[in-house]
Structure formats: C-alpha cells, structure tokens
Amino acid sequence: MRTWFALPAALAVALLTAAPASAHGTHTRPAITRLEWLTGPVAVGEEEFLVVEAHDPDSSISEVDVVWGDEGISFAHTYCVQGTEIGKPARLVLSWKFPHPGLEDVRVVALSQDHCKPNRSIQRSPTKHLPTPVRP
C-alpha cells in the first residue's frame, strides 16, 4: 500500500520543483526595464500614475501584475497593443489611490508569451520592488 502512494507523491514533488518550461529552449525571462511614479511625491487619496516598461527579447509582453503594497492587486493585460513582434517592449501607465499613509512595497511582475498567442508557454519576470512613501 505504501508503494502505491510513493509514486504519485514523488511525481507531485518533481512537478512542483521543476524549472518552468521554456518556449524556445534558451528563452530569456522578461524583465521590468522601467518602474517609476509619473507624478511627484505619492499622497493619500490622490490618483497616482505608475509607469511600467517591460521587455522580453524572445517573446511579447502579455501582462503586468502589480501588488500595491498591502491594499490591492492589478492585472494589466496588454492585449499586445505594442504589437506581436518578438522583443518589442511594452509600456503601461497604471493608476492607483493609496488609502493610508506609510511606506508601501509596490511589487511588479511582467508576463510574456510567444507572439501573445493563447495557450503558449508563459514566462514571468523576477519581481521588481518599488518602496513608496505615501504622505498624508
């Protein structure tokens, strides 16, 4: 009986710890190349604009995910408005209103897909952090 459970458990561990699949064998992960506030100091209750630029030399940026400190999450799909050309950078300007003062850790990840086609291998960039002081 124990042997029967050992094989599925070993398979599950192997799948969870495996490196992500690559669409091109030597696929480079996407990268956030610019991350900054468009406006001056960030203030509570004010609409603030975050500029995110991302690039993947082997694919197209299809989505950018932002965690706005402890307050919320945005999933910004590009719908390939930058084009489906391999390696073309994407630029997004996202807005947010912070409800409380303090230091927020804004975290951003870019996702890319081959030519922005559905059901293709998705690559994730390393998370980029933007410590953001929010003034009252």
Protein backbone atom coordinates (compact mmCIF):
# COMPACT_ATOMS: atom_id res chain seq x y z
CA MET A 1 0.00 0.00 0.00
CA ARG A 2 2.82 2.45 0.81
CA THR A 3 4.47 1.85 -2.58
CA TRP A 4 1.27 2.85 -4.38
CA PHE A 5 1.32 6.27 -2.61
CA ALA A 6 5.08 6.79 -3.03
CA LEU A 7 4.98 7.08 -6.83
CA PRO A 8 2.25 9.78 -7.02
CA ALA A 9 3.92 11.69 -4.17
CA ALA A 10 7.30 11.58 -5.93
CA LEU A 11 5.70 12.72 -9.18
CA ALA A 12 3.95 15.63 -7.44
CA VAL A 13 7.23 16.76 -5.82
CA ALA A 14 9.03 16.54 -9.17
CA LEU A 15 6.36 18.65 -10.91
CA LEU A 16 6.28 21.31 -8.19
CA THR A 17 10.06 21.71 -8.08
CA ALA A 18 10.75 21.52 -11.83
CA ALA A 19 12.06 24.57 -13.63
CA PRO A 20 9.44 26.38 -15.75
CA ALA A 21 9.07 25.18 -19.31
CA SER A 22 10.69 27.29 -21.97
CA ALA A 23 9.05 28.11 -25.26
CA HIS A 24 12.36 28.47 -27.08
CA GLY A 25 14.82 26.21 -25.26
CA THR A 26 17.14 29.11 -24.32
CA HIS A 27 14.29 31.52 -23.58
CA THR A 28 15.29 34.62 -21.65
CA ARG A 29 12.89 35.69 -18.91
CA PRO A 30 11.10 39.02 -19.33
CA ALA A 31 12.42 41.97 -17.36
CA ILE A 32 10.96 45.17 -15.94
CA THR A 33 13.14 47.87 -17.51
CA ARG A 34 11.44 50.95 -16.03
CA LEU A 35 9.37 51.35 -12.88
CA GLU A 36 8.66 54.83 -11.55
CA TRP A 37 5.95 57.22 -10.43
CA LEU A 38 4.92 59.69 -13.13
CA THR A 39 3.84 62.30 -10.58
CA GLY A 40 5.74 63.81 -7.65
CA PRO A 41 5.53 62.54 -4.09
CA VAL A 42 2.74 59.99 -3.60
CA ALA A 43 -0.12 61.19 -1.35
CA VAL A 44 -3.10 59.55 0.34
CA GLY A 45 -6.29 59.71 -1.71
CA GLU A 46 -4.64 61.22 -4.79
CA GLU A 47 -4.69 59.37 -8.11
CA GLU A 48 -1.08 58.39 -8.74
CA PHE A 49 0.33 57.06 -12.01
CA LEU A 50 2.93 54.29 -12.17
CA VAL A 51 4.96 53.81 -15.37
CA VAL A 52 5.91 50.20 -16.08
CA GLU A 53 8.05 49.24 -19.04
CA ALA A 54 8.88 45.60 -19.69
CA HIS A 55 10.82 43.73 -22.34
CA ASP A 56 11.37 40.12 -23.39
CA PRO A 57 13.83 39.63 -26.27
CA ASP A 58 12.29 36.23 -27.16
CA SER A 59 8.54 36.91 -26.78
CA SER A 60 5.84 39.56 -26.34
CA ILE A 61 4.80 41.10 -23.01
CA SER A 62 1.21 40.00 -22.44
CA GLU A 63 0.50 41.13 -18.86
CA VAL A 64 1.86 43.15 -15.96
CA ASP A 65 0.77 42.35 -12.40
CA VAL A 66 1.07 44.96 -9.63
CA VAL A 67 0.66 44.46 -5.89
CA TRP A 68 0.03 47.92 -4.44
CA GLY A 69 1.60 47.35 -1.03
CA ASP A 70 -0.99 45.80 1.30
CA GLU A 71 -4.06 47.33 -0.34
CA GLY A 72 -4.77 45.68 -3.69
CA ILE A 73 -3.72 43.97 -6.90
CA SER A 74 -3.96 44.96 -10.57
CA PHE A 75 -3.70 42.59 -13.53
CA ALA A 76 -2.98 44.75 -16.58
CA HIS A 77 -3.29 42.83 -19.84
CA THR A 78 -1.51 44.44 -22.78
CA TYR A 79 -3.67 42.71 -25.41
CA CYS A 80 -0.48 43.13 -27.47
CA VAL A 81 -1.26 46.78 -28.26
CA GLN A 82 2.53 47.16 -28.53
CA GLY A 83 2.37 44.63 -31.38
CA THR A 84 3.13 40.92 -31.55
CA GLU A 85 6.67 41.48 -32.78
CA ILE A 86 9.09 39.34 -30.81
CA GLY A 87 11.16 41.51 -28.48
CA LYS A 88 9.08 44.69 -28.72
CA PRO A 89 8.92 46.44 -25.31
CA ALA A 90 5.58 47.24 -23.68
CA ARG A 91 4.82 50.45 -21.76
CA LEU A 92 1.88 50.72 -19.38
CA VAL A 93 0.74 53.59 -17.17
CA LEU A 94 -1.38 52.36 -14.27
CA SER A 95 -3.21 54.46 -11.70
CA TRP A 96 -3.87 53.84 -8.02
CA LYS A 97 -5.08 55.71 -4.92
CA PHE A 98 -3.45 54.77 -1.62
CA PRO A 99 -5.92 54.94 1.30
CA HIS A 100 -3.35 55.20 4.14
CA PRO A 101 -0.03 56.96 4.74
CA GLY A 102 3.15 54.97 5.33
CA LEU A 103 5.79 53.06 3.39
CA GLU A 104 4.26 50.74 0.77
CA ASP A 105 6.20 47.99 -1.03
CA VAL A 106 4.81 48.10 -4.58
CA ARG A 107 5.73 44.84 -6.38
CA VAL A 108 5.56 44.29 -10.14
CA VAL A 109 5.89 41.20 -12.36
CA ALA A 110 5.76 41.06 -16.18
CA LEU A 111 4.50 38.02 -18.10
CA SER A 112 5.38 37.20 -21.68
CA GLN A 113 4.09 34.79 -24.32
CA ASP A 114 5.28 33.82 -27.79
CA HIS A 115 3.58 36.34 -30.14
CA CYS A 116 0.87 36.91 -27.46
CA LYS A 117 -0.91 33.79 -28.66
CA PRO A 118 -3.10 31.93 -26.16
CA ASN A 119 -2.02 28.55 -24.85
CA ARG A 120 1.67 29.33 -25.29
CA SER A 121 4.33 28.98 -22.65
CA ILE A 122 4.21 31.90 -20.21
CA GLN A 123 7.38 33.33 -18.69
CA ARG A 124 7.47 35.51 -15.54
CA SER A 125 9.98 38.24 -14.80
CA PRO A 126 11.67 38.46 -11.43
CA THR A 127 9.60 40.60 -9.05
CA LYS A 128 10.68 44.24 -9.03
CA HIS A 129 10.11 46.21 -5.80
CA LEU A 130 9.41 49.92 -5.59
CA PRO A 131 9.41 51.16 -1.98
CA THR A 132 6.86 54.01 -1.98
CA PRO A 133 6.48 56.52 0.84
CA VAL A 134 2.83 57.65 0.94
CA ARG A 135 2.41 61.03 2.60
CA PRO A 136 -0.77 62.10 4.40
